Amino acid sequence: MARRLEAAAHLTPSPVTTPRSLAYRILAQVLAARVADTHAWALTRDGVPVLVVDVHGSAYTRTGRVLDLWGTFRATGRHLHRTVAARVVPVIP
């Protein structure tokens, strides 16, 4: 179906999977598989945790600051990109 829409719109089909999209797809698959038994995930840089995100809608910085991701998500009209820009981007070095 997608190929027919691309052809009808005269779009050049993009590769189904690129190395970059493969990385995101693998991460999404791992997270989906572990969602029932993992309550927090740590984002690291060079092996050092920079942010811990839990399944309750909060995140924790290296300095112990608690970020209300769920509240921000609701305040931005349930907009994921605005939530990340407001709460996550400023605290990741």
PDB file of N, CA and C in Angstrom:
ATOM      1  N   MET A   1       0.816  -1.187   0.000  1.00  0.00           N
ATOM      2  CA  MET A   1       0.000   0.000   0.000  1.00  0.00           C
ATOM      3  C   MET A   1       0.864   1.258   0.000  1.00  0.00           C
ATOM      4  N   ALA A   2       1.900   1.269   0.831  1.00  0.00           N
ATOM      5  CA  ALA A   2       2.773   2.443   0.912  1.00  0.00           C
ATOM      6  C   ALA A   2       3.462   2.704  -0.413  1.00  0.00           C
ATOM      7  N   ARG A   3       3.888   1.638  -1.091  1.00  0.00           N
ATOM      8  CA  ARG A   3       4.562   1.807  -2.391  1.00  0.00           C
ATOM      9  C   ARG A   3       3.615   2.421  -3.425  1.00  0.00           C
ATOM     10  N   ARG A   4       2.345   2.015  -3.401  1.00  0.00           N
ATOM     11  CA  ARG A   4       1.374   2.583  -4.346  1.00  0.00           C
ATOM     12  C   ARG A   4       1.144   4.071  -4.068  1.00  0.00           C
ATOM     13  N   LEU A   5       1.094   4.438  -2.800  1.00  0.00           N
ATOM     14  CA  LEU A   5       0.917   5.847  -2.445  1.00  0.00           C
ATOM     15  C   LEU A   5       2.119   6.670  -2.870  1.00  0.00           C
ATOM     16  N   GLU A   6       3.322   6.127  -2.662  1.00  0.00           N
ATOM     17  CA  GLU A   6       4.524   6.823  -3.100  1.00  0.00           C
ATOM     18  C   GLU A   6       4.523   7.025  -4.609  1.00  0.00           C
ATOM     19  N   ALA A   7       4.146   5.996  -5.346  1.00  0.00           N
ATOM     20  CA  ALA A   7       4.108   6.096  -6.805  1.00  0.00           C
ATOM     21  C   ALA A   7       3.058   7.121  -7.247  1.00  0.00           C
ATOM     22  N   ALA A   8       1.884   7.100  -6.630  1.00  0.00           N
ATOM     23  CA  ALA A   8       0.815   8.035  -6.993  1.00  0.00           C
ATOM     24  C   ALA A   8       1.216   9.474  -6.707  1.00  0.00           C
ATOM     25  N   ALA A   9       2.002   9.688  -5.665  1.00  0.00           N
ATOM     26  CA  ALA A   9       2.433  11.032  -5.294  1.00  0.00           C
ATOM     27  C   ALA A   9       3.757  11.410  -5.958  1.00  0.00           C
ATOM     28  N   HIS A  10       4.273  10.515  -6.806  1.00  0.00           N
ATOM     29  CA  HIS A  10       5.542  10.730  -7.512  1.00  0.00           C
ATOM     30  C   HIS A  10       6.697  10.950  -6.532  1.00  0.00           C
ATOM     31  N   LEU A  11       6.689  10.191  -5.446  1.00  0.00           N
ATOM     32  CA  LEU A  11       7.758  10.256  -4.466  1.00  0.00           C
ATOM     33  C   LEU A  11       8.786   9.181  -4.759  1.00  0.00           C
ATOM     34  N   THR A  12      10.028   9.477  -4.436  1.00  0.00           N
ATOM     35  CA  THR A  12      11.082   8.484  -4.574  1.00  0.00           C
ATOM     36  C   THR A  12      11.054   7.609  -3.328  1.00  0.00           C
ATOM     37  N   PRO A  13      10.859   6.310  -3.502  1.00  0.00           N
ATOM     38  CA  PRO A  13      10.818   5.440  -2.326  1.00  0.00           C
ATOM     39  C   PRO A  13      12.137   5.471  -1.568  1.00  0.00           C
ATOM     40  N   SER A  14      12.036   5.522  -0.260  1.00  0.00           N
ATOM     41  CA  SER A  14      13.235   5.477   0.568  1.00  0.00           C
ATOM     42  C   SER A  14      13.509   4.023   0.948  1.00  0.00           C
ATOM     43  N   PRO A  15      14.746   3.722   1.320  1.00  0.00           N
ATOM     44  CA  PRO A  15      15.028   2.352   1.724  1.00  0.00           C
ATOM     45  C   PRO A  15      14.148   1.970   2.918  1.00  0.00           C
ATOM     46  N   VAL A  16      13.749   0.728   2.971  1.00  0.00           N
ATOM     47  CA  VAL A  16      12.897   0.274   4.055  1.00  0.00           C
ATOM     48  C   VAL A  16      13.621   0.422   5.387  1.00  0.00           C
ATOM     49  N   THR A  17      14.875   0.007   5.436  1.00  0.00           N
ATOM     50  CA  THR A  17      15.650   0.120   6.666  1.00  0.00           C
ATOM     51  C   THR A  17      17.042   0.632   6.333  1.00  0.00           C
ATOM     52  N   THR A  18      17.458   1.638   7.084  1.00  0.00           N
ATOM     53  CA  THR A  18      18.812   2.167   6.985  1.00  0.00           C
ATOM     54  C   THR A  18      19.547   1.788   8.268  1.00  0.00           C
ATOM     55  N   PRO A  19      20.871   1.932   8.299  1.00  0.00           N
ATOM     56  CA  PRO A  19      21.569   1.631   9.556  1.00  0.00           C
ATOM     57  C   PRO A  19      21.032   2.446  10.729  1.00  0.00           C
ATOM     58  N   ARG A  20      20.715   3.705  10.497  1.00  0.00           N
ATOM     59  CA  ARG A  20      20.188   4.554  11.570  1.00  0.00           C
ATOM     60  C   ARG A  20      18.809   4.084  12.029  1.00  0.00           C
ATOM     61  N   SER A  21      17.915   3.828  11.071  1.00  0.00           N
ATOM     62  CA  SER A  21      16.578   3.384  11.468  1.00  0.00           C
ATOM     63  C   SER A  21      16.624   1.995  12.112  1.00  0.00           C
ATOM     64  N   LEU A  22      17.581   1.168  11.706  1.00  0.00           N
ATOM     65  CA  LEU A  22      17.735  -0.147  12.315  1.00  0.00           C
ATOM     66  C   LEU A  22      18.071  -0.011  13.802  1.00  0.00           C
ATOM     67  N   ALA A  23      18.950   0.921  14.133  1.00  0.00           N
ATOM     68  CA  ALA A  23      19.303   1.141  15.546  1.00  0.00           C
ATOM     69  C   ALA A  23      18.065   1.511  16.349  1.00  0.00           C
ATOM     70  N   TYR A  24      17.247   2.430  15.840  1.00  0.00           N
ATOM     71  CA  TYR A  24      16.031   2.834  16.547  1.00  0.00           C
ATOM     72  C   TYR A  24      15.030   1.685  16.642  1.00  0.00           C
ATOM     73  N   ARG A  25      14.919   0.921  15.586  1.00  0.00           N
ATOM     74  CA  ARG A  25      13.989  -0.210  15.595  1.00  0.00           C
ATOM     75  C   ARG A  25      14.417  -1.262  16.611  1.00  0.00           C
ATOM     76  N   ILE A  26      15.715  -1.523  16.702  1.00  0.00           N
ATOM     77  CA  ILE A  26      16.211  -2.501  17.674  1.00  0.00           C
ATOM     78  C   ILE A  26      15.968  -2.011  19.095  1.00  0.00           C
ATOM     79  N   LEU A  27      16.266  -0.743  19.368  1.00  0.00           N
ATOM     80  CA  LEU A  27      16.016  -0.192  20.697  1.00  0.00           C
ATOM     81  C   LEU A  27      14.535  -0.266  21.058  1.00  0.00           C
ATOM     82  N   ALA A  28      13.668   0.068  20.121  1.00  0.00           N
ATOM     83  CA  ALA A  28      12.224   0.002  20.376  1.00  0.00           C
ATOM     84  C   ALA A  28      11.789  -1.428  20.660  1.00  0.00           C
ATOM     85  N   GLN A  29      12.341  -2.376  19.931  1.00  0.00           N
ATOM     86  CA  GLN A  29      11.980  -3.778  20.137  1.00  0.00           C
ATOM     87  C   GLN A  29      12.435  -4.275  21.513  1.00  0.00           C
ATOM     88  N   VAL A  30      13.648  -3.905  21.906  1.00  0.00           N
ATOM     89  CA  VAL A  30      14.152  -4.308  23.217  1.00  0.00           C
ATOM     90  C   VAL A  30      13.296  -3.704  24.324  1.00  0.00           C
ATOM     91  N   LEU A  31      12.972  -2.422  24.197  1.00  0.00           N
ATOM     92  CA  LEU A  31      12.130  -1.777  25.200  1.00  0.00           C
ATOM     93  C   LEU A  31      10.747  -2.427  25.263  1.00  0.00           C
ATOM     94  N   ALA A  32      10.171  -2.709  24.121  1.00  0.00           N
ATOM     95  CA  ALA A  32       8.843  -3.337  24.090  1.00  0.00           C
ATOM     96  C   ALA A  32       8.875  -4.717  24.742  1.00  0.00           C
ATOM     97  N   ALA A  33       9.946  -5.452  24.524  1.00  0.00           N
ATOM     98  CA  ALA A  33      10.043  -6.799  25.083  1.00  0.00           C
ATOM     99  C   ALA A  33      10.235  -6.778  26.599  1.00  0.00           C
ATOM    100  N   ARG A  34      10.804  -5.716  27.134  1.00  0.00           N
ATOM    101  CA  ARG A  34      11.115  -5.656  28.554  1.00  0.00           C
ATOM    102  C   ARG A  34      10.143  -4.799  29.357  1.00  0.00           C
ATOM    103  N   VAL A  35       9.116  -4.280  28.729  1.00  0.00           N
ATOM    104  CA  VAL A  35       8.237  -3.319  29.390  1.00  0.00           C
ATOM    105  C   VAL A  35       7.549  -3.892  30.628  1.00  0.00           C
ATOM    106  N   ALA A  36       7.282  -5.169  30.677  1.00  0.00           N
ATOM    107  CA  ALA A  36       6.575  -5.750  31.814  1.00  0.00           C
ATOM    108  C   ALA A  36       7.465  -5.970  33.032  1.00  0.00           C
ATOM    109  N   ASP A  37       8.788  -6.034  32.850  1.00  0.00           N
ATOM    110  CA  ASP A  37       9.626  -6.357  33.999  1.00  0.00           C
ATOM    111  C   ASP A  37      10.717  -5.340  34.294  1.00  0.00           C
ATOM    112  N   THR A  38      10.762  -4.249  33.586  1.00  0.00           N
ATOM    113  CA  THR A  38      11.784  -3.215  33.815  1.00  0.00           C
ATOM    114  C   THR A  38      11.078  -1.915  34.152  1.00  0.00           C
ATOM    115  N   HIS A  39      11.392  -1.331  35.296  1.00  0.00           N
ATOM    116  CA  HIS A  39      10.690  -0.132  35.742  1.00  0.00           C
ATOM    117  C   HIS A  39      11.459   1.157  35.506  1.00  0.00           C
ATOM    118  N   ALA A  40      12.720   1.062  35.153  1.00  0.00           N
ATOM    119  CA  ALA A  40      13.506   2.260  34.908  1.00  0.00           C
ATOM    120  C   ALA A  40      14.601   1.954  33.895  1.00  0.00           C
ATOM    121  N   TRP A  41      14.925   2.953  33.096  1.00  0.00           N
ATOM    122  CA  TRP A  41      15.972   2.828  32.093  1.00  0.00           C
ATOM    123  C   TRP A  41      16.966   3.960  32.301  1.00  0.00           C
ATOM    124  N   ALA A  42      18.227   3.653  32.197  1.00  0.00           N
ATOM    125  CA  ALA A  42      19.275   4.666  32.344  1.00  0.00           C
ATOM    126  C   ALA A  42      19.855   4.995  30.980  1.00  0.00           C
ATOM    127  N   LEU A  43      19.887   6.274  30.673  1.00  0.00           N
ATOM    128  CA  LEU A  43      20.593   6.746  29.494  1.00  0.00           C
ATOM    129  C   LEU A  43      22.004   7.065  29.938  1.00  0.00           C
ATOM    130  N   THR A  44      22.978   6.539  29.221  1.00  0.00           N
ATOM    131  CA  THR A  44      24.364   6.763  29.605  1.00  0.00           C
ATOM    132  C   THR A  44      25.131   7.438  28.489  1.00  0.00           C
ATOM    133  N   ARG A  45      26.199   8.102  28.880  1.00  0.00           N
ATOM    134  CA  ARG A  45      27.149   8.660  27.919  1.00  0.00           C
ATOM    135  C   ARG A  45      28.525   8.241  28.402  1.00  0.00           C
ATOM    136  N   ASP A  46      29.241   7.535  27.562  1.00  0.00           N
ATOM    137  CA  ASP A  46      30.563   7.000  27.929  1.00  0.00           C
ATOM    138  C   ASP A  46      30.501   6.175  29.205  1.00  0.00           C
ATOM    139  N   GLY A  47      29.417   5.408  29.355  1.00  0.00           N
ATOM    140  CA  GLY A  47      29.272   4.530  30.495  1.00  0.00           C
ATOM    141  C   GLY A  47      28.807   5.196  31.777  1.00  0.00           C
ATOM    142  N   VAL A  48      28.567   6.495  31.727  1.00  0.00           N
ATOM    143  CA  VAL A  48      28.132   7.239  32.915  1.00  0.00           C
ATOM    144  C   VAL A  48      26.643   7.575  32.774  1.00  0.00           C
ATOM    145  N   PRO A  49      25.806   7.190  33.743  1.00  0.00           N
ATOM    146  CA  PRO A  49      24.387   7.524  33.656  1.00  0.00           C
ATOM    147  C   PRO A  49      24.175   9.043  33.654  1.00  0.00           C
ATOM    148  N   VAL A  50      23.372   9.516  32.709  1.00  0.00           N
ATOM    149  CA  VAL A  50      23.061  10.944  32.651  1.00  0.00           C
ATOM    150  C   VAL A  50      21.585  11.213  32.933  1.00  0.00           C
ATOM    151  N   LEU A  51      20.746  10.190  32.765  1.00  0.00           N
ATOM    152  CA  LEU A  51      19.321  10.359  33.028  1.00  0.00           C
ATOM    153  C   LEU A  51      18.709   8.981  33.241  1.00  0.00           C
ATOM    154  N   VAL A  52      17.878   8.862  34.271  1.00  0.00           N
ATOM    155  CA  VAL A  52      17.125   7.638  34.503  1.00  0.00           C
ATOM    156  C   VAL A  52      15.655   7.968  34.307  1.00  0.00           C
ATOM    157  N   VAL A  53      14.995   7.205  33.454  1.00  0.00           N
ATOM    158  CA  VAL A  53      13.579   7.413  33.150  1.00  0.00           C
ATOM    159  C   VAL A  53      12.809   6.212  33.669  1.00  0.00           C
ATOM    160  N   ASP A  54      11.764   6.479  34.454  1.00  0.00           N
ATOM    161  CA  ASP A  54      10.984   5.369  34.990  1.00  0.00           C
ATOM    162  C   ASP A  54       9.615   5.264  34.315  1.00  0.00           C
ATOM    163  N   VAL A  55       8.936   4.173  34.568  1.00  0.00           N
ATOM    164  CA  VAL A  55       7.648   3.920  33.921  1.00  0.00           C
ATOM    165  C   VAL A  55       6.499   4.667  34.591  1.00  0.00           C
ATOM    166  N   HIS A  56       6.802   5.492  35.582  1.00  0.00           N
ATOM    167  CA  HIS A  56       5.781   6.267  36.273  1.00  0.00           C
ATOM    168  C   HIS A  56       5.709   7.705  35.760  1.00  0.00           C
ATOM    169  N   GLY A  57       6.486   8.015  34.716  1.00  0.00           N
ATOM    170  CA  GLY A  57       6.429   9.344  34.124  1.00  0.00           C
ATOM    171  C   GLY A  57       7.391  10.334  34.742  1.00  0.00           C
ATOM    172  N   SER A  58       8.436   9.845  35.377  1.00  0.00           N
ATOM    173  CA  SER A  58       9.441  10.724  35.968  1.00  0.00           C
ATOM    174  C   SER A  58      10.813  10.384  35.409  1.00  0.00           C
ATOM    175  N   ALA A  59      11.708  11.353  35.524  1.00  0.00           N
ATOM    176  CA  ALA A  59      13.101  11.129  35.159  1.00  0.00           C
ATOM    177  C   ALA A  59      13.958  11.745  36.253  1.00  0.00           C
ATOM    178  N   TYR A  60      15.171  11.214  36.402  1.00  0.00           N
ATOM    179  CA  TYR A  60      16.072  11.641  37.462  1.00  0.00           C
ATOM    180  C   TYR A  60      17.420  11.976  36.846  1.00  0.00           C
ATOM    181  N   THR A  61      17.949  13.152  37.203  1.00  0.00           N
ATOM    182  CA  THR A  61      19.230  13.592  36.660  1.00  0.00           C
ATOM    183  C   THR A  61      20.377  13.130  37.554  1.00  0.00           C
ATOM    184  N   ARG A  62      21.593  13.350  37.093  1.00  0.00           N
ATOM    185  CA  ARG A  62      22.784  12.999  37.876  1.00  0.00           C
ATOM    186  C   ARG A  62      22.851  13.764  39.182  1.00  0.00           C
ATOM    187  N   THR A  63      22.251  14.944  39.208  1.00  0.00           N
ATOM    188  CA  THR A  63      22.299  15.772  40.419  1.00  0.00           C
ATOM    189  C   THR A  63      21.154  15.457  41.377  1.00  0.00           C
ATOM    190  N   GLY A  64      20.291  14.502  40.999  1.00  0.00           N
ATOM    191  CA  GLY A  64      19.173  14.133  41.857  1.00  0.00           C
ATOM    192  C   GLY A  64      17.894  14.894  41.584  1.00  0.00           C
ATOM    193  N   ARG A  65      17.921  15.741  40.595  1.00  0.00           N
ATOM    194  CA  ARG A  65      16.718  16.495  40.228  1.00  0.00           C
ATOM    195  C   ARG A  65      15.677  15.545  39.639  1.00  0.00           C
ATOM    196  N   VAL A  66      14.417  15.712  40.040  1.00  0.00           N
ATOM    197  CA  VAL A  66      13.324  14.890  39.530  1.00  0.00           C
ATOM    198  C   VAL A  66      12.568  15.695  38.484  1.00  0.00           C
ATOM    199  N   LEU A  67      12.382  15.098  37.312  1.00  0.00           N
ATOM    200  CA  LEU A  67      11.668  15.753  36.215  1.00  0.00           C
ATOM    201  C   LEU A  67      10.302  15.104  36.052  1.00  0.00           C
ATOM    202  N   ASP A  68       9.267  15.901  36.036  1.00  0.00           N
ATOM    203  CA  ASP A  68       7.907  15.405  35.872  1.00  0.00           C
ATOM    204  C   ASP A  68       7.587  15.306  34.379  1.00  0.00           C
ATOM    205  N   LEU A  69       7.928  14.186  33.772  1.00  0.00           N
ATOM    206  CA  LEU A  69       7.695  14.003  32.343  1.00  0.00           C
ATOM    207  C   LEU A  69       6.203  13.921  32.026  1.00  0.00           C
ATOM    208  N   TRP A  70       5.460  13.207  32.859  1.00  0.00           N
ATOM    209  CA  TRP A  70       4.027  13.039  32.614  1.00  0.00           C
ATOM    210  C   TRP A  70       3.298  14.375  32.701  1.00  0.00           C
ATOM    211  N   GLY A  71       3.616  15.163  33.699  1.00  0.00           N
ATOM    212  CA  GLY A  71       2.986  16.479  33.837  1.00  0.00           C
ATOM    213  C   GLY A  71       3.323  17.393  32.672  1.00  0.00           C
ATOM    214  N   THR A  72       4.569  17.365  32.247  1.00  0.00           N
ATOM    215  CA  THR A  72       4.985  18.178  31.102  1.00  0.00           C
ATOM    216  C   THR A  72       4.292  17.711  29.834  1.00  0.00           C
ATOM    217  N   PHE A  73       4.184  16.401  29.661  1.00  0.00           N
ATOM    218  CA  PHE A  73       3.508  15.838  28.486  1.00  0.00           C
ATOM    219  C   PHE A  73       2.067  16.332  28.418  1.00  0.00           C
ATOM    220  N   ARG A  74       1.368  16.294  29.548  1.00  0.00           N
ATOM    221  CA  ARG A  74      -0.020  16.778  29.574  1.00  0.00           C
ATOM    222  C   ARG A  74      -0.084  18.283  29.344  1.00  0.00           C
ATOM    223  N   ALA A  75       0.864  19.033  29.930  1.00  0.00           N
ATOM    224  CA  ALA A  75       0.873  20.495  29.797  1.00  0.00           C
ATOM    225  C   ALA A  75       1.161  20.952  28.377  1.00  0.00           C
ATOM    226  N   THR A  76       1.860  20.121  27.612  1.00  0.00           N
ATOM    227  CA  THR A  76       2.179  20.493  26.220  1.00  0.00           C
ATOM    228  C   THR A  76       1.130  19.974  25.245  1.00  0.00           C
ATOM    229  N   GLY A  77      -0.017  19.561  25.761  1.00  0.00           N
ATOM    230  CA  GLY A  77      -1.053  19.029  24.879  1.00  0.00           C
ATOM    231  C   GLY A  77      -0.723  17.637  24.393  1.00  0.00           C
ATOM    232  N   ARG A  78       0.009  16.869  25.221  1.00  0.00           N
ATOM    233  CA  ARG A  78       0.411  15.498  24.907  1.00  0.00           C
ATOM    234  C   ARG A  78       1.346  15.453  23.686  1.00  0.00           C
ATOM    235  N   HIS A  79       2.244  16.414  23.639  1.00  0.00           N
ATOM    236  CA  HIS A  79       3.181  16.543  22.527  1.00  0.00           C
ATOM    237  C   HIS A  79       4.548  16.011  22.958  1.00  0.00           C
ATOM    238  N   LEU A  80       4.945  14.874  22.415  1.00  0.00           N
ATOM    239  CA  LEU A  80       6.181  14.210  22.820  1.00  0.00           C
ATOM    240  C   LEU A  80       7.424  15.054  22.558  1.00  0.00           C
ATOM    241  N   HIS A  81       7.512  15.643  21.371  1.00  0.00           N
ATOM    242  CA  HIS A  81       8.706  16.419  21.031  1.00  0.00           C
ATOM    243  C   HIS A  81       8.872  17.625  21.957  1.00  0.00           C
ATOM    244  N   ARG A  82       7.774  18.288  22.290  1.00  0.00           N
ATOM    245  CA  ARG A  82       7.855  19.433  23.212  1.00  0.00           C
ATOM    246  C   ARG A  82       8.259  18.974  24.607  1.00  0.00           C
ATOM    247  N   THR A  83       7.778  17.811  25.015  1.00  0.00           N
ATOM    248  CA  THR A  83       8.147  17.273  26.323  1.00  0.00           C
ATOM    249  C   THR A  83       9.641  16.991  26.383  1.00  0.00           C
ATOM    250  N   VAL A  84      10.155  16.333  25.368  1.00  0.00           N
ATOM    251  CA  VAL A  84      11.593  16.037  25.315  1.00  0.00           C
ATOM    252  C   VAL A  84      12.399  17.317  25.279  1.00  0.00           C
ATOM    253  N   ALA A  85      11.980  18.275  24.464  1.00  0.00           N
ATOM    254  CA  ALA A  85      12.706  19.541  24.359  1.00  0.00           C
ATOM    255  C   ALA A  85      12.699  20.306  25.675  1.00  0.00           C
ATOM    256  N   ALA A  86      11.597  20.258  26.393  1.00  0.00           N
ATOM    257  CA  ALA A  86      11.479  21.011  27.641  1.00  0.00           C
ATOM    258  C   ALA A  86      12.188  20.353  28.807  1.00  0.00           C
ATOM    259  N   ARG A  87      12.155  19.037  28.901  1.00  0.00           N
ATOM    260  CA  ARG A  87      12.650  18.357  30.095  1.00  0.00           C
ATOM    261  C   ARG A  87      13.922  17.538  29.899  1.00  0.00           C
ATOM    262  N   VAL A  88      14.082  16.907  28.755  1.00  0.00           N
ATOM    263  CA  VAL A  88      15.210  15.981  28.586  1.00  0.00           C
ATOM    264  C   VAL A  88      16.427  16.686  27.981  1.00  0.00           C
ATOM    265  N   VAL A  89      16.237  17.395  26.900  1.00  0.00           N
ATOM    266  CA  VAL A  89      17.368  18.021  26.204  1.00  0.00           C
ATOM    267  C   VAL A  89      18.180  18.934  27.124  1.00  0.00           C
ATOM    268  N   PRO A  90      17.550  19.757  27.969  1.00  0.00           N
ATOM    269  CA  PRO A  90      18.350  20.643  28.822  1.00  0.00           C
ATOM    270  C   PRO A  90      19.247  19.936  29.851  1.00  0.00           C
ATOM    271  N   VAL A  91      18.962  18.685  30.185  1.00  0.00           N
ATOM    272  CA  VAL A  91      19.737  18.036  31.245  1.00  0.00           C
ATOM    273  C   VAL A  91      20.727  16.999  30.740  1.00  0.00           C
ATOM    274  N   ILE A  92      20.715  16.731  29.462  1.00  0.00           N
ATOM    275  CA  ILE A  92      21.679  15.767  28.914  1.00  0.00           C
ATOM    276  C   ILE A  92      22.896  16.544  28.422  1.00  0.00           C
ATOM    277  N   PRO A  93      24.054  16.242  28.988  1.00  0.00           N
ATOM    278  CA  PRO A  93      25.268  16.993  28.607  1.00  0.00           C
ATOM    279  C   PRO A  93      25.684  16.714  27.178  1.00  0.00           C
TER     280      PRO A  93
END
